Protein backbone atom coordinates (compact mmCIF):
# COMPACT_ATOMS: atom_id res chain seq x y z
CA MET A 1 3.87 10.21 1.64
CA THR A 2 2.34 6.93 2.85
CA LEU A 3 -1.06 5.26 2.87
CA GLU A 4 -1.74 3.99 6.39
CA LEU A 5 -4.55 2.03 8.01
CA ALA A 6 -4.67 2.09 11.81
CA GLY A 7 -7.02 -0.16 13.77
CA ILE A 8 -9.70 -0.41 11.08
CA GLU A 9 -12.96 -2.01 12.19
CA ALA A 10 -15.59 -2.61 9.52
CA GLY A 11 -18.47 -4.87 8.56
CA TYR A 12 -21.97 -5.16 7.19
CA GLY A 13 -25.10 -5.06 9.32
CA GLY A 14 -24.33 -6.83 12.57
CA ALA A 15 -21.35 -8.72 11.18
CA ARG A 16 -17.81 -7.67 12.05
CA VAL A 17 -15.63 -8.51 9.06
CA VAL A 18 -12.46 -6.49 9.72
CA GLN A 19 -11.13 -6.32 13.27
CA GLY A 20 -8.37 -3.85 14.02
CA VAL A 21 -6.48 -3.99 10.74
CA SER A 22 -3.33 -1.86 10.56
CA LEU A 23 -1.01 -1.71 7.57
CA ALA A 24 1.07 0.72 5.54
CA VAL A 25 1.77 1.16 1.83
CA PRO A 26 4.86 3.31 1.21
CA PRO A 27 5.16 5.25 -2.05
CA GLY A 28 6.39 3.26 -5.03
CA ARG A 29 5.94 -0.15 -3.39
CA ILE A 30 3.72 -3.16 -3.96
CA VAL A 31 2.12 -4.39 -0.74
CA ALA A 32 0.19 -7.68 -0.85
CA LEU A 33 -2.79 -8.38 1.40
CA LEU A 34 -3.22 -12.16 1.41
CA GLY A 35 -5.72 -14.50 2.95
CA PRO A 36 -8.52 -16.98 2.30
CA ASN A 37 -12.02 -16.19 1.08
CA GLY A 38 -14.00 -14.29 3.68
CA ALA A 39 -10.92 -13.01 5.51
CA GLY A 40 -11.89 -9.35 4.98
CA LYS A 41 -9.49 -8.42 2.20
CA SER A 42 -12.04 -6.86 -0.14
CA THR A 43 -13.79 -5.17 2.78
CA THR A 44 -10.49 -3.54 3.70
CA LEU A 45 -10.10 -2.21 0.15
CA ARG A 46 -13.67 -0.89 0.19
CA VAL A 47 -12.88 1.09 3.33
CA VAL A 48 -9.75 2.59 1.77
CA ALA A 49 -11.62 3.50 -1.44
CA GLY A 50 -14.42 5.24 0.45
CA LEU A 51 -17.09 2.68 -0.47
CA LEU A 52 -17.56 1.55 3.14
CA ARG A 53 -17.39 3.74 6.23
CA PRO A 54 -15.30 2.10 8.97
CA ARG A 55 -16.77 1.58 12.41
CA GLY A 56 -13.47 2.40 14.02
CA GLY A 57 -9.87 3.24 13.26
CA GLU A 58 -8.34 5.61 10.72
CA VAL A 59 -7.21 5.69 7.11
CA ARG A 60 -4.53 8.32 6.53
CA LEU A 61 -2.96 9.50 3.31
CA ASP A 62 0.15 11.60 3.82
CA GLY A 63 -1.11 12.16 7.37
CA GLU A 64 -4.58 13.36 6.29
CA ARG A 65 -7.55 11.39 7.58
CA ILE A 66 -9.59 10.18 4.62
CA ALA A 67 -11.83 7.50 6.16
CA GLY A 68 -15.45 8.46 5.57
CA LEU A 69 -14.76 10.66 2.54
CA PRO A 70 -16.93 9.83 -0.50
CA PRO A 71 -15.30 7.74 -3.24
CA ASP A 72 -14.86 10.67 -5.65
CA ALA A 73 -12.98 12.62 -2.99
CA VAL A 74 -10.74 9.63 -2.32
CA LEU A 75 -10.10 9.30 -6.05
CA ARG A 76 -9.13 12.96 -6.33
CA ARG A 77 -6.58 12.45 -3.57
CA GLY A 78 -4.83 9.85 -5.69
CA LEU A 79 -6.31 6.46 -4.81
CA ALA A 80 -7.97 4.37 -7.54
CA LEU A 81 -9.76 1.07 -7.00
CA VAL A 82 -9.71 -1.72 -9.59
CA PRO A 83 -12.57 -3.84 -8.26
CA GLU A 84 -12.95 -7.58 -8.18
CA ARG A 85 -14.61 -8.82 -11.40
CA ARG A 86 -13.49 -5.58 -13.11
CA GLU A 87 -16.93 -3.89 -13.34
CA LEU A 88 -16.34 -2.55 -16.82
CA PHE A 89 -19.05 -0.95 -18.95
CA PRO A 90 -19.58 -3.90 -21.32
CA SER A 91 -21.40 -2.08 -24.11
CA LEU A 92 -18.89 0.78 -24.23
CA SER A 93 -15.69 0.58 -26.24
CA VAL A 94 -12.24 0.16 -24.78
CA ALA A 95 -11.53 3.84 -25.49
CA GLU A 96 -14.78 4.94 -23.82
CA ASN A 97 -14.03 2.87 -20.71
CA LEU A 98 -10.61 4.52 -20.52
CA ASP A 99 -12.15 7.97 -20.94
CA LEU A 100 -14.40 7.26 -17.96
CA GLY A 101 -11.33 6.43 -15.90
CA ALA A 102 -10.23 10.06 -16.35
CA TYR A 103 -13.63 11.60 -15.62
CA ALA A 104 -12.37 13.56 -12.60
CA ARG A 105 -9.53 15.18 -14.58
CA ARG A 106 -9.54 18.34 -16.69
CA ASP A 107 -5.95 18.33 -17.98
CA ARG A 108 -6.51 17.25 -21.58
CA ALA A 109 -2.84 17.09 -22.47
CA GLY A 110 -2.13 14.95 -19.43
CA ILE A 111 -5.04 12.65 -20.21
CA ALA A 112 -3.77 12.18 -23.78
CA ALA A 113 -0.29 11.40 -22.47
CA ASP A 114 -1.64 8.86 -19.98
CA LEU A 115 -3.74 7.23 -22.70
CA GLU A 116 -0.55 6.67 -24.69
CA MET A 117 1.12 5.36 -21.54
CA VAL A 118 -1.58 2.72 -20.91
CA PHE A 119 -1.57 1.72 -24.59
CA ALA A 120 2.21 1.26 -24.37
CA LEU A 121 1.72 -0.80 -21.20
CA PHE A 122 -1.09 -2.88 -22.73
CA PRO A 123 -0.62 -2.88 -26.54
CA ARG A 124 -3.62 -5.15 -27.07
CA LEU A 125 -5.91 -2.42 -25.78
CA ARG A 126 -4.71 -0.11 -28.55
CA GLU A 127 -5.51 -2.81 -31.10
CA ARG A 128 -9.00 -3.20 -29.62
CA ARG A 129 -9.73 0.41 -28.72
CA THR A 130 -12.97 0.52 -30.78
CA GLN A 131 -14.29 -2.85 -29.59
CA PRO A 132 -16.98 -3.14 -26.89
CA ALA A 133 -15.49 -4.27 -23.59
CA ARG A 134 -17.74 -7.34 -23.56
CA THR A 135 -15.94 -8.72 -26.64
CA LEU A 136 -12.55 -8.86 -24.90
CA SER A 137 -11.07 -12.00 -23.39
CA GLY A 138 -10.87 -12.28 -19.61
CA GLY A 139 -7.22 -11.28 -19.60
CA GLU A 140 -7.88 -8.31 -21.85
CA GLN A 141 -10.76 -7.20 -19.63
CA GLN A 142 -8.43 -7.28 -16.62
CA MET A 143 -5.88 -5.21 -18.54
CA LEU A 144 -8.63 -2.72 -19.37
CA ALA A 145 -9.76 -2.53 -15.74
CA ILE A 146 -6.21 -1.78 -14.60
CA ALA A 147 -5.68 0.72 -17.43
CA ARG A 148 -8.94 2.47 -16.56
CA GLY A 149 -7.72 2.83 -12.97
CA LEU A 150 -4.44 4.27 -14.17
CA MET A 151 -6.25 6.92 -16.23
CA SER A 152 -7.03 8.81 -13.02
CA ARG A 153 -3.24 9.11 -12.56
CA PRO A 154 -3.30 7.60 -9.06
CA ARG A 155 -0.46 7.56 -6.61
CA TYR A 156 -1.95 4.39 -5.11
CA LEU A 157 -3.66 1.66 -7.12
CA LEU A 158 -5.95 -0.60 -5.10
CA LEU A 159 -6.22 -3.97 -6.87
CA ASP A 160 -8.82 -6.55 -5.85
CA GLU A 161 -8.07 -10.12 -7.03
CA PRO A 162 -6.57 -9.31 -10.46
CA SER A 163 -5.84 -13.01 -11.11
CA LEU A 164 -9.47 -14.07 -10.64
CA GLY A 165 -10.60 -16.41 -13.42
CA LEU A 166 -7.40 -16.11 -15.47
CA ALA A 167 -5.20 -18.88 -16.85
CA PRO A 168 -1.68 -19.18 -15.35
CA LEU A 169 0.09 -17.60 -18.34
CA LEU A 170 -2.24 -14.59 -18.24
CA ILE A 171 -1.71 -14.25 -14.51
CA GLU A 172 2.04 -14.07 -15.09
CA GLU A 173 1.54 -11.42 -17.76
CA ILE A 174 -0.72 -9.29 -15.56
CA PHE A 175 1.68 -9.48 -12.64
CA ARG A 176 4.63 -8.50 -14.83
CA LYS A 177 2.65 -5.40 -15.73
CA LEU A 178 2.24 -4.60 -12.03
CA VAL A 179 6.02 -4.45 -11.72
CA GLU A 180 6.11 -2.00 -14.65
CA ILE A 181 3.42 0.13 -13.01
CA ARG A 182 5.48 0.25 -9.82
CA ALA A 183 8.51 1.29 -11.88
CA HIS A 184 6.51 4.30 -13.09
CA GLY A 185 6.11 5.38 -9.45
CA THR A 186 2.59 4.13 -8.64
CA ALA A 187 2.25 2.22 -5.38
CA ILE A 188 -0.05 -0.81 -5.30
CA LEU A 189 -2.11 -2.37 -2.53
CA LEU A 190 -2.73 -5.83 -3.95
CA VAL A 191 -5.49 -8.05 -2.57
CA GLU A 192 -4.89 -11.54 -3.88
CA GLN A 193 -5.67 -15.19 -3.11
CA ASN A 194 -2.85 -16.36 -5.39
CA ALA A 195 -0.20 -15.85 -2.75
CA ALA A 196 2.64 -17.29 -4.80
CA ALA A 197 2.08 -14.84 -7.67
CA ALA A 198 1.57 -11.91 -5.32
CA LEU A 199 4.70 -12.55 -3.28
CA ARG A 200 6.82 -12.82 -6.41
CA VAL A 201 6.11 -9.16 -7.25
CA ALA A 202 5.41 -7.60 -3.84
CA ASP A 203 7.86 -5.77 -1.62
CA HIS A 204 5.94 -6.41 1.60
CA GLY A 205 2.95 -8.46 2.65
CA TYR A 206 0.29 -9.01 5.28
CA VAL A 207 -1.72 -12.17 5.93
CA LEU A 208 -5.33 -11.54 6.94
CA GLU A 209 -7.43 -14.27 8.56
CA THR A 210 -10.94 -13.81 9.97
CA GLY A 211 -10.50 -10.05 9.84
CA ILE A 212 -7.23 -9.96 11.78
CA ILE A 213 -3.65 -9.48 10.56
CA ARG A 214 -1.89 -12.69 11.56
CA LEU A 215 1.47 -12.23 9.84
CA GLU A 216 3.47 -9.38 8.35
CA GLY A 217 6.86 -9.10 6.72
CA SER A 218 8.86 -8.66 3.58
CA ALA A 219 7.58 -10.65 0.63
CA ALA A 220 10.70 -12.80 0.73
CA ALA A 221 10.27 -13.53 4.44
CA LEU A 222 6.61 -14.46 4.03
CA ALA A 223 7.40 -16.71 1.07
CA ALA A 224 9.93 -18.54 3.25
CA ASP A 225 7.64 -18.75 6.31
CA ASP A 226 6.52 -22.32 6.97
CA ALA A 227 3.03 -21.27 8.06
CA VAL A 228 2.52 -19.25 4.87
CA ARG A 229 3.98 -21.98 2.70
CA ASP A 230 1.76 -24.66 4.27
CA ALA A 231 -1.42 -22.56 4.03
CA TYR A 232 -1.00 -20.71 0.74
CA LEU A 233 1.97 -21.86 -1.34
CA ARG A 234 1.31 -25.61 -1.75
């Protein structure tokens, strides 16, 4: 019951962006993928989500090879991507964006229950359920993007830079919600430049530089590592 990447090679055109990346996300855990801009973090998520076919290596979910499957097939297997910059439908309401998150489901009772769950997790979305997404604040839009991902009832949530553009207090609020999501049993692969925030909530972490995993360990061990502290925590 684990999401595993083994030797993933990927890129765009003639450029190699990811070079032999291997990592694992156990069920019910938050795993942080850290690194500077251009390290290959988002490219790695795109491979997992089925948006980019790898040039080599494997992605396995519970032992099944899923690399190369189309995004809708990956979603139906329980992996949901919350993309960088959210990619909401700005003219649609909060409720309509959430409905679209459940488009692959047919269990109406389950969808209704999950809608109540995300409204309990993010009460401000309930208050703004009839508002167009474009009228929300940046923090509220990030909440909506995460909630929309949860509406597919994923086992693994793939989060790309959830702190991007948010004030420190909002970042803390969003990351507290990630801990609650984990408590409900959803594992998270968290791509994040804000290493300090990510390591406070993660169980395990990997540091990616120029497409290569340079460091790996428990979140506590990485937070205490001098190389990580010097590069990312000061």
